[in-house]
């Protein structure tokens, strides 16, 4: 099954637009696990098991594993997700972006070593840095488009005077992803939830692409405004929440608390469709 087929199937089966981000910080682990990086797999696997019927995707952020030498735990977690929640696609959040020969190695890491269904990429070195990922049939790739960090304006908001219509750079990225760059039909875009008006502008030029939208939850994005903006055009919507779900409790009930928050978030997002 291709990534977009798997994504749509998971969204329908679990009635969900929620992506559960897996950003393990041992300093925030519960009880006796607090500060113990050897428990990264145990913590994340418990979250996965508690939320697998509520999510349309999981999104492990590779830096949280690599910083603690926990790549083997990430491999184990990927195997666990494929085994226990095979219906839910996994997006490896690595934001890679490098020249072709190096990108080929990163693609091997993403799709062969870790077995991810999709990946996040930085497109700002051009299409040849994206091509090696698209060579993997049916695998997805989300290009950074309009991010919510303050520094996003430094480049993404620049007006391109030599492009017809003088779009801002993020709009040009969206147009390229909707059009000539989408050679395997599995491209998507990353757009921050704190900028719903700009989600609408992305949708104007990329109406059918899946949007991966971080920022709902701990980052304060407005769920209703985000869903309304992203629903224009009908492309799939994947709204990520990480910290609000992962750290819903510092106690032994952390997995049950994560499930409660994930369910509340999923229901809030679904209600926003008709709000």
C-alpha atoms as a PDB file:
ATOM      1  CA  UNK A   1       0.000   0.000   0.000  1.00  0.00           C
ATOM      2  CA  UNK A   2       1.334   3.429  -0.920  1.00  0.00           C
ATOM      3  CA  UNK A   3       1.800   6.009   1.821  1.00  0.00           C
ATOM      4  CA  UNK A   4      -1.198   8.161   0.886  1.00  0.00           C
ATOM      5  CA  UNK A   5      -3.450   5.111   0.666  1.00  0.00           C
ATOM      6  CA  UNK A   6      -2.253   3.983   4.094  1.00  0.00           C
ATOM      7  CA  UNK A   7      -2.747   7.482   5.505  1.00  0.00           C
ATOM      8  CA  UNK A   8      -6.299   7.747   4.218  1.00  0.00           C
ATOM      9  CA  UNK A   9      -7.136   4.244   5.415  1.00  0.00           C
ATOM     10  CA  UNK A  10      -5.805   4.984   8.919  1.00  0.00           C
ATOM     11  CA  UNK A  11      -7.656   8.298   9.048  1.00  0.00           C
ATOM     12  CA  UNK A  12     -10.917   6.610   8.086  1.00  0.00           C
ATOM     13  CA  UNK A  13     -10.498   3.566  10.318  1.00  0.00           C
ATOM     14  CA  UNK A  14      -9.523   5.604  13.394  1.00  0.00           C
ATOM     15  CA  UNK A  15     -11.725   8.599  12.467  1.00  0.00           C
ATOM     16  CA  UNK A  16      -8.686  10.763  13.037  1.00  0.00           C
ATOM     17  CA  UNK A  17      -6.557  13.627  11.770  1.00  0.00           C
ATOM     18  CA  UNK A  18      -4.256  13.317  14.789  1.00  0.00           C
ATOM     19  CA  UNK A  19      -0.584  12.491  14.377  1.00  0.00           C
ATOM     20  CA  UNK A  20       1.118  11.532  17.637  1.00  0.00           C
ATOM     21  CA  UNK A  21       4.633  12.940  17.710  1.00  0.00           C
ATOM     22  CA  UNK A  22       7.250  10.868  19.502  1.00  0.00           C
ATOM     23  CA  UNK A  23       9.821  13.290  20.955  1.00  0.00           C
ATOM     24  CA  UNK A  24      11.191  11.406  23.971  1.00  0.00           C
ATOM     25  CA  UNK A  25      12.882  13.537  26.622  1.00  0.00           C
ATOM     26  CA  UNK A  26      14.171  11.306  29.455  1.00  0.00           C
ATOM     27  CA  UNK A  27      14.136  14.256  31.861  1.00  0.00           C
ATOM     28  CA  UNK A  28      10.334  14.220  31.555  1.00  0.00           C
ATOM     29  CA  UNK A  29       9.824  10.477  31.878  1.00  0.00           C
ATOM     30  CA  UNK A  30       7.598   9.259  34.715  1.00  0.00           C
ATOM     31  CA  UNK A  31       8.627   7.828  38.061  1.00  0.00           C
ATOM     32  CA  UNK A  32      11.726   5.635  38.186  1.00  0.00           C
ATOM     33  CA  UNK A  33      12.297   6.116  34.442  1.00  0.00           C
ATOM     34  CA  UNK A  34      13.007   9.828  34.863  1.00  0.00           C
ATOM     35  CA  UNK A  35      16.376  10.698  33.334  1.00  0.00           C
ATOM     36  CA  UNK A  36      16.997   7.152  32.078  1.00  0.00           C
ATOM     37  CA  UNK A  37      17.702   7.222  28.333  1.00  0.00           C
ATOM     38  CA  UNK A  38      17.705   3.432  28.207  1.00  0.00           C
ATOM     39  CA  UNK A  39      13.913   3.637  28.674  1.00  0.00           C
ATOM     40  CA  UNK A  40      13.248   5.612  25.489  1.00  0.00           C
ATOM     41  CA  UNK A  41      11.882   2.566  23.692  1.00  0.00           C
ATOM     42  CA  UNK A  42       9.748   1.498  26.657  1.00  0.00           C
ATOM     43  CA  UNK A  43       8.254   4.974  27.003  1.00  0.00           C
ATOM     44  CA  UNK A  44       7.487   5.448  23.320  1.00  0.00           C
ATOM     45  CA  UNK A  45       6.144   1.922  22.864  1.00  0.00           C
ATOM     46  CA  UNK A  46       3.717   2.489  25.742  1.00  0.00           C
ATOM     47  CA  UNK A  47       2.498   5.703  24.077  1.00  0.00           C
ATOM     48  CA  UNK A  48       2.075   3.908  20.756  1.00  0.00           C
ATOM     49  CA  UNK A  49       0.096   1.084  22.352  1.00  0.00           C
ATOM     50  CA  UNK A  50      -2.146   3.578  24.163  1.00  0.00           C
ATOM     51  CA  UNK A  51      -2.942   5.699  21.102  1.00  0.00           C
ATOM     52  CA  UNK A  52      -2.754   3.372  18.073  1.00  0.00           C
ATOM     53  CA  UNK A  53      -6.533   3.367  17.575  1.00  0.00           C
ATOM     54  CA  UNK A  54      -6.736   7.173  17.847  1.00  0.00           C
ATOM     55  CA  UNK A  55      -4.039   8.310  15.412  1.00  0.00           C
ATOM     56  CA  UNK A  56      -3.769   8.630  11.654  1.00  0.00           C
ATOM     57  CA  UNK A  57       0.045   8.623  11.906  1.00  0.00           C
ATOM     58  CA  UNK A  58       2.995   8.460  14.276  1.00  0.00           C
ATOM     59  CA  UNK A  59       5.948  10.834  13.920  1.00  0.00           C
ATOM     60  CA  UNK A  60       9.180   9.966  15.720  1.00  0.00           C
ATOM     61  CA  UNK A  61      11.634  12.883  15.712  1.00  0.00           C
ATOM     62  CA  UNK A  62      15.032  11.361  15.028  1.00  0.00           C
ATOM     63  CA  UNK A  63      17.065  13.971  16.952  1.00  0.00           C
ATOM     64  CA  UNK A  64      15.568  12.891  20.274  1.00  0.00           C
ATOM     65  CA  UNK A  65      16.907   9.391  19.673  1.00  0.00           C
ATOM     66  CA  UNK A  66      20.238  10.234  18.033  1.00  0.00           C
ATOM     67  CA  UNK A  67      21.219  12.793  20.685  1.00  0.00           C
ATOM     68  CA  UNK A  68      21.245  10.004  23.265  1.00  0.00           C
ATOM     69  CA  UNK A  69      22.766   7.296  21.104  1.00  0.00           C
ATOM     70  CA  UNK A  70      19.374   5.586  20.993  1.00  0.00           C
ATOM     71  CA  UNK A  71      19.205   4.723  17.289  1.00  0.00           C
ATOM     72  CA  UNK A  72      18.915   1.024  18.151  1.00  0.00           C
ATOM     73  CA  UNK A  73      15.905   1.884  20.318  1.00  0.00           C
ATOM     74  CA  UNK A  74      14.397   3.772  17.374  1.00  0.00           C
ATOM     75  CA  UNK A  75      14.884   0.733  15.143  1.00  0.00           C
ATOM     76  CA  UNK A  76      13.186  -1.411  17.792  1.00  0.00           C
ATOM     77  CA  UNK A  77      10.349   1.113  18.079  1.00  0.00           C
ATOM     78  CA  UNK A  78       9.827   1.146  14.314  1.00  0.00           C
ATOM     79  CA  UNK A  79       9.594  -2.655  14.364  1.00  0.00           C
ATOM     80  CA  UNK A  80       7.137  -2.450  17.256  1.00  0.00           C
ATOM     81  CA  UNK A  81       4.903  -0.001  15.378  1.00  0.00           C
ATOM     82  CA  UNK A  82       4.932  -2.140  12.233  1.00  0.00           C
ATOM     83  CA  UNK A  83       4.056  -5.205  14.284  1.00  0.00           C
ATOM     84  CA  UNK A  84       1.409  -3.845  16.658  1.00  0.00           C
ATOM     85  CA  UNK A  85      -0.066  -0.950  14.645  1.00  0.00           C
ATOM     86  CA  UNK A  86       0.589  -1.833  10.982  1.00  0.00           C
ATOM     87  CA  UNK A  87      -2.431   0.204   9.892  1.00  0.00           C
ATOM     88  CA  UNK A  88      -0.905   3.479  11.132  1.00  0.00           C
ATOM     89  CA  UNK A  89       1.812   4.997   8.905  1.00  0.00           C
ATOM     90  CA  UNK A  90       5.045   6.270  10.428  1.00  0.00           C
ATOM     91  CA  UNK A  91       6.558   9.591   9.358  1.00  0.00           C
ATOM     92  CA  UNK A  92      10.236   9.877  10.302  1.00  0.00           C
ATOM     93  CA  UNK A  93      10.781  13.510  11.230  1.00  0.00           C
ATOM     94  CA  UNK A  94      14.374  14.174  10.210  1.00  0.00           C
ATOM     95  CA  UNK A  95      14.125  17.298   7.997  1.00  0.00           C
ATOM     96  CA  UNK A  96      17.021  16.140   5.843  1.00  0.00           C
ATOM     97  CA  UNK A  97      18.201  18.273   2.929  1.00  0.00           C
ATOM     98  CA  UNK A  98      21.500  17.608   1.169  1.00  0.00           C
ATOM     99  CA  UNK A  99      23.003  16.995  -2.261  1.00  0.00           C
ATOM    100  CA  UNK A 100      22.076  13.935  -4.281  1.00  0.00           C
ATOM    101  CA  UNK A 101      24.781  11.438  -3.254  1.00  0.00           C
ATOM    102  CA  UNK A 102      24.335  12.250   0.430  1.00  0.00           C
ATOM    103  CA  UNK A 103      20.559  12.325   0.075  1.00  0.00           C
ATOM    104  CA  UNK A 104      20.751   8.790  -1.319  1.00  0.00           C
ATOM    105  CA  UNK A 105      22.365   7.662   1.947  1.00  0.00           C
ATOM    106  CA  UNK A 106      19.776   9.485   4.032  1.00  0.00           C
ATOM    107  CA  UNK A 107      17.039   7.815   1.970  1.00  0.00           C
ATOM    108  CA  UNK A 108      18.579   4.416   2.711  1.00  0.00           C
ATOM    109  CA  UNK A 109      18.622   5.332   6.410  1.00  0.00           C
ATOM    110  CA  UNK A 110      14.982   6.430   6.309  1.00  0.00           C
ATOM    111  CA  UNK A 111      13.349   3.723   4.253  1.00  0.00           C
ATOM    112  CA  UNK A 112      15.673   0.733   4.548  1.00  0.00           C
ATOM    113  CA  UNK A 113      17.257   1.016   7.983  1.00  0.00           C
ATOM    114  CA  UNK A 114      14.226   2.403   9.819  1.00  0.00           C
ATOM    115  CA  UNK A 115      11.464   1.277   7.469  1.00  0.00           C
ATOM    116  CA  UNK A 116       9.558   4.573   7.634  1.00  0.00           C
ATOM    117  CA  UNK A 117       6.526   5.183   5.446  1.00  0.00           C
ATOM    118  CA  UNK A 118       7.335   8.878   4.944  1.00  0.00           C
ATOM    119  CA  UNK A 119       9.916  11.487   5.895  1.00  0.00           C
ATOM    120  CA  UNK A 120      10.196  15.240   6.432  1.00  0.00           C
ATOM    121  CA  UNK A 121      12.658  17.106   4.202  1.00  0.00           C
ATOM    122  CA  UNK A 122      14.051  20.607   3.754  1.00  0.00           C
ATOM    123  CA  UNK A 123      13.627  21.620   0.096  1.00  0.00           C
ATOM    124  CA  UNK A 124      15.869  24.663   0.115  1.00  0.00           C
ATOM    125  CA  UNK A 125      18.780  23.044  -1.771  1.00  0.00           C
ATOM    126  CA  UNK A 126      16.454  22.175  -4.631  1.00  0.00           C
ATOM    127  CA  UNK A 127      14.754  19.261  -6.310  1.00  0.00           C
ATOM    128  CA  UNK A 128      17.846  17.085  -6.739  1.00  0.00           C
ATOM    129  CA  UNK A 129      17.999  16.744  -2.940  1.00  0.00           C
ATOM    130  CA  UNK A 130      14.449  15.346  -2.934  1.00  0.00           C
ATOM    131  CA  UNK A 131      14.679  12.962  -5.878  1.00  0.00           C
ATOM    132  CA  UNK A 132      16.457  10.097  -4.055  1.00  0.00           C
ATOM    133  CA  UNK A 133      13.520   9.776  -1.650  1.00  0.00           C
ATOM    134  CA  UNK A 134      10.978   9.771  -4.472  1.00  0.00           C
ATOM    135  CA  UNK A 135      12.801   6.830  -6.052  1.00  0.00           C
ATOM    136  CA  UNK A 136      11.299   4.649  -3.291  1.00  0.00           C
ATOM    137  CA  UNK A 137       7.982   3.593  -4.755  1.00  0.00           C
ATOM    138  CA  UNK A 138       4.992   4.502  -2.611  1.00  0.00           C
ATOM    139  CA  UNK A 139       6.984   6.292   0.097  1.00  0.00           C
ATOM    140  CA  UNK A 140       5.937   9.778   1.205  1.00  0.00           C
ATOM    141  CA  UNK A 141       7.932  12.969   1.708  1.00  0.00           C
ATOM    142  CA  UNK A 142       6.812  16.180   3.425  1.00  0.00           C
ATOM    143  CA  UNK A 143       8.632  19.347   2.410  1.00  0.00           C
ATOM    144  CA  UNK A 144       9.070  22.179   4.877  1.00  0.00           C
ATOM    145  CA  UNK A 145       6.908  24.946   3.497  1.00  0.00           C
ATOM    146  CA  UNK A 146       5.656  27.499   6.058  1.00  0.00           C
ATOM    147  CA  UNK A 147       6.912  26.873   9.553  1.00  0.00           C
ATOM    148  CA  UNK A 148       5.766  28.582  12.741  1.00  0.00           C
ATOM    149  CA  UNK A 149       9.159  29.379  14.276  1.00  0.00           C
ATOM    150  CA  UNK A 150      10.058  33.106  14.380  1.00  0.00           C
ATOM    151  CA  UNK A 151      12.985  32.636  12.032  1.00  0.00           C
ATOM    152  CA  UNK A 152      10.702  31.180   9.375  1.00  0.00           C
ATOM    153  CA  UNK A 153      10.159  34.707   8.063  1.00  0.00           C
ATOM    154  CA  UNK A 154      13.865  35.048   7.271  1.00  0.00           C
ATOM    155  CA  UNK A 155      13.493  33.002   4.078  1.00  0.00           C
ATOM    156  CA  UNK A 156       9.977  31.631   3.711  1.00  0.00           C
ATOM    157  CA  UNK A 157       8.303  35.046   3.558  1.00  0.00           C
ATOM    158  CA  UNK A 158      10.670  36.488   0.932  1.00  0.00           C
ATOM    159  CA  UNK A 159       8.961  37.657  -2.261  1.00  0.00           C
ATOM    160  CA  UNK A 160      10.293  36.118  -5.472  1.00  0.00           C
ATOM    161  CA  UNK A 161      10.418  39.003  -7.925  1.00  0.00           C
ATOM    162  CA  UNK A 162      11.505  36.811 -10.849  1.00  0.00           C
ATOM    163  CA  UNK A 163       8.646  34.293 -10.545  1.00  0.00           C
ATOM    164  CA  UNK A 164       5.299  35.050 -12.236  1.00  0.00           C
ATOM    165  CA  UNK A 165       2.837  36.455  -9.722  1.00  0.00           C
ATOM    166  CA  UNK A 166       5.647  37.386  -7.303  1.00  0.00           C
ATOM    167  CA  UNK A 167       4.816  34.670  -4.751  1.00  0.00           C
ATOM    168  CA  UNK A 168       6.441  34.381  -1.398  1.00  0.00           C
ATOM    169  CA  UNK A 169       8.977  31.571  -1.207  1.00  0.00           C
ATOM    170  CA  UNK A 170       6.666  29.267   0.762  1.00  0.00           C
ATOM    171  CA  UNK A 171       3.986  29.623  -1.913  1.00  0.00           C
ATOM    172  CA  UNK A 172       6.523  28.748  -4.594  1.00  0.00           C
ATOM    173  CA  UNK A 173       7.561  25.617  -2.663  1.00  0.00           C
ATOM    174  CA  UNK A 174       3.899  24.618  -2.401  1.00  0.00           C
ATOM    175  CA  UNK A 175       3.361  25.159  -6.131  1.00  0.00           C
ATOM    176  CA  UNK A 176       6.423  23.080  -7.031  1.00  0.00           C
ATOM    177  CA  UNK A 177       5.298  20.280  -4.724  1.00  0.00           C
ATOM    178  CA  UNK A 178       1.802  20.274  -6.189  1.00  0.00           C
ATOM    179  CA  UNK A 179       3.239  20.248  -9.693  1.00  0.00           C
ATOM    180  CA  UNK A 180       6.575  19.254 -11.257  1.00  0.00           C
ATOM    181  CA  UNK A 181       8.329  17.941  -8.155  1.00  0.00           C
ATOM    182  CA  UNK A 182       5.603  15.425  -7.265  1.00  0.00           C
ATOM    183  CA  UNK A 183       6.980  12.692  -9.511  1.00  0.00           C
ATOM    184  CA  UNK A 184       5.781   9.762  -7.395  1.00  0.00           C
ATOM    185  CA  UNK A 185       2.480  11.326  -6.301  1.00  0.00           C
ATOM    186  CA  UNK A 186       3.396  11.082  -2.619  1.00  0.00           C
ATOM    187  CA  UNK A 187       4.637  14.584  -1.742  1.00  0.00           C
ATOM    188  CA  UNK A 188       3.164  16.647   1.078  1.00  0.00           C
ATOM    189  CA  UNK A 189       3.934  19.894   2.897  1.00  0.00           C
ATOM    190  CA  UNK A 190       4.715  20.941   6.463  1.00  0.00           C
ATOM    191  CA  UNK A 191       2.777  24.049   7.518  1.00  0.00           C
ATOM    192  CA  UNK A 192       2.607  25.388  11.082  1.00  0.00           C
ATOM    193  CA  UNK A 193      -0.724  25.531  12.890  1.00  0.00           C
ATOM    194  CA  UNK A 194       0.010  28.987  14.291  1.00  0.00           C
ATOM    195  CA  UNK A 195      -0.448  30.532  10.815  1.00  0.00           C
ATOM    196  CA  UNK A 196      -3.955  29.486   9.633  1.00  0.00           C
ATOM    197  CA  UNK A 197      -4.192  32.357   7.135  1.00  0.00           C
ATOM    198  CA  UNK A 198      -1.064  31.075   5.462  1.00  0.00           C
ATOM    199  CA  UNK A 199      -2.383  27.510   5.490  1.00  0.00           C
ATOM    200  CA  UNK A 200      -5.174  28.922   3.313  1.00  0.00           C
ATOM    201  CA  UNK A 201      -2.598  30.416   0.950  1.00  0.00           C
ATOM    202  CA  UNK A 202      -0.787  27.088   0.737  1.00  0.00           C
ATOM    203  CA  UNK A 203      -4.086  25.364  -0.020  1.00  0.00           C
ATOM    204  CA  UNK A 204      -4.753  27.864  -2.804  1.00  0.00           C
ATOM    205  CA  UNK A 205      -1.772  26.541  -4.766  1.00  0.00           C
ATOM    206  CA  UNK A 206      -1.607  22.977  -3.377  1.00  0.00           C
ATOM    207  CA  UNK A 207      -5.235  21.928  -2.848  1.00  0.00           C
ATOM    208  CA  UNK A 208      -4.749  18.157  -3.024  1.00  0.00           C
ATOM    209  CA  UNK A 209      -1.477  17.604  -1.166  1.00  0.00           C
ATOM    210  CA  UNK A 210      -1.408  16.187   2.362  1.00  0.00           C
ATOM    211  CA  UNK A 211      -0.514  18.795   4.955  1.00  0.00           C
ATOM    212  CA  UNK A 212       1.460  17.864   8.050  1.00  0.00           C
ATOM    213  CA  UNK A 213       0.606  20.543  10.588  1.00  0.00           C
ATOM    214  CA  UNK A 214       2.549  20.781  13.864  1.00  0.00           C
ATOM    215  CA  UNK A 215       1.704  23.290  16.550  1.00  0.00           C
ATOM    216  CA  UNK A 216      -1.670  22.193  17.953  1.00  0.00           C
ATOM    217  CA  UNK A 217      -1.393  21.505  21.672  1.00  0.00           C
ATOM    218  CA  UNK A 218       1.615  22.738  23.618  1.00  0.00           C
ATOM    219  CA  UNK A 219       2.528  25.258  20.896  1.00  0.00           C
ATOM    220  CA  UNK A 220      -0.893  26.892  21.072  1.00  0.00           C
ATOM    221  CA  UNK A 221      -2.253  26.482  17.560  1.00  0.00           C
ATOM    222  CA  UNK A 222      -6.016  27.008  17.200  1.00  0.00           C
ATOM    223  CA  UNK A 223      -7.581  23.671  16.240  1.00  0.00           C
ATOM    224  CA  UNK A 224     -10.748  25.061  14.684  1.00  0.00           C
ATOM    225  CA  UNK A 225      -8.961  27.698  12.588  1.00  0.00           C
ATOM    226  CA  UNK A 226      -6.342  25.170  11.516  1.00  0.00           C
ATOM    227  CA  UNK A 227      -8.832  22.543  10.390  1.00  0.00           C
ATOM    228  CA  UNK A 228     -10.970  25.094   8.564  1.00  0.00           C
ATOM    229  CA  UNK A 229      -7.979  26.454   6.669  1.00  0.00           C
ATOM    230  CA  UNK A 230      -6.530  23.036   5.851  1.00  0.00           C
ATOM    231  CA  UNK A 231      -9.881  21.647   4.691  1.00  0.00           C
ATOM    232  CA  UNK A 232      -9.942  23.940   1.655  1.00  0.00           C
ATOM    233  CA  UNK A 233      -9.286  21.809  -1.389  1.00  0.00           C
ATOM    234  CA  UNK A 234      -9.812  18.437   0.186  1.00  0.00           C
ATOM    235  CA  UNK A 235      -6.227  17.213   0.589  1.00  0.00           C
ATOM    236  CA  UNK A 236      -5.434  14.992   3.606  1.00  0.00           C
ATOM    237  CA  UNK A 237      -4.868  16.728   6.948  1.00  0.00           C
ATOM    238  CA  UNK A 238      -2.390  15.428   9.525  1.00  0.00           C
ATOM    239  CA  UNK A 239      -2.278  17.507  12.695  1.00  0.00           C
ATOM    240  CA  UNK A 240       0.586  16.692  15.006  1.00  0.00           C
ATOM    241  CA  UNK A 241       0.616  16.881  18.777  1.00  0.00           C
ATOM    242  CA  UNK A 242       3.696  15.749  20.676  1.00  0.00           C
ATOM    243  CA  UNK A 243       4.351  17.133  24.142  1.00  0.00           C
ATOM    244  CA  UNK A 244       0.714  17.575  25.140  1.00  0.00           C
ATOM    245  CA  UNK A 245       0.144  13.862  24.577  1.00  0.00           C
ATOM    246  CA  UNK A 246       3.496  12.438  25.688  1.00  0.00           C
ATOM    247  CA  UNK A 247       3.716  14.330  28.958  1.00  0.00           C
ATOM    248  CA  UNK A 248       0.071  14.430  29.988  1.00  0.00           C
ATOM    249  CA  UNK A 249       1.157  12.868  33.277  1.00  0.00           C
ATOM    250  CA  UNK A 250       4.439  12.463  35.129  1.00  0.00           C
ATOM    251  CA  UNK A 251       3.053   9.490  37.039  1.00  0.00           C
ATOM    252  CA  UNK A 252       2.712   5.780  36.442  1.00  0.00           C
ATOM    253  CA  UNK A 253      -0.554   6.518  34.625  1.00  0.00           C
ATOM    254  CA  UNK A 254       1.328   8.337  31.838  1.00  0.00           C
ATOM    255  CA  UNK A 255       0.097   6.028  29.080  1.00  0.00           C
ATOM    256  CA  UNK A 256      -3.542   6.250  30.187  1.00  0.00           C
ATOM    257  CA  UNK A 257      -3.212  10.033  30.489  1.00  0.00           C
ATOM    258  CA  UNK A 258      -1.662  10.206  27.014  1.00  0.00           C
ATOM    259  CA  UNK A 259      -4.613   8.250  25.670  1.00  0.00           C
ATOM    260  CA  UNK A 260      -7.099  10.652  27.283  1.00  0.00           C
ATOM    261  CA  UNK A 261      -5.387  13.702  25.794  1.00  0.00           C
ATOM    262  CA  UNK A 262      -5.033  12.032  22.390  1.00  0.00           C
ATOM    263  CA  UNK A 263      -8.731  11.163  22.395  1.00  0.00           C
ATOM    264  CA  UNK A 264      -9.708  14.686  23.443  1.00  0.00           C
ATOM    265  CA  UNK A 265      -7.479  16.162  20.738  1.00  0.00           C
ATOM    266  CA  UNK A 266      -8.823  13.827  18.071  1.00  0.00           C
ATOM    267  CA  UNK A 267     -12.409  14.665  19.042  1.00  0.00           C
ATOM    268  CA  UNK A 268     -11.670  18.408  19.084  1.00  0.00           C
ATOM    269  CA  UNK A 269     -10.180  18.207  15.603  1.00  0.00           C
ATOM    270  CA  UNK A 270     -13.126  16.218  14.314  1.00  0.00           C
ATOM    271  CA  UNK A 271     -15.587  18.689  15.820  1.00  0.00           C
ATOM    272  CA  UNK A 272     -13.689  21.495  14.097  1.00  0.00           C
ATOM    273  CA  UNK A 273     -14.719  20.066  10.719  1.00  0.00           C
ATOM    274  CA  UNK A 274     -18.250  21.281  11.279  1.00  0.00           C
ATOM    275  CA  UNK A 275     -17.621  24.217  13.614  1.00  0.00           C
END
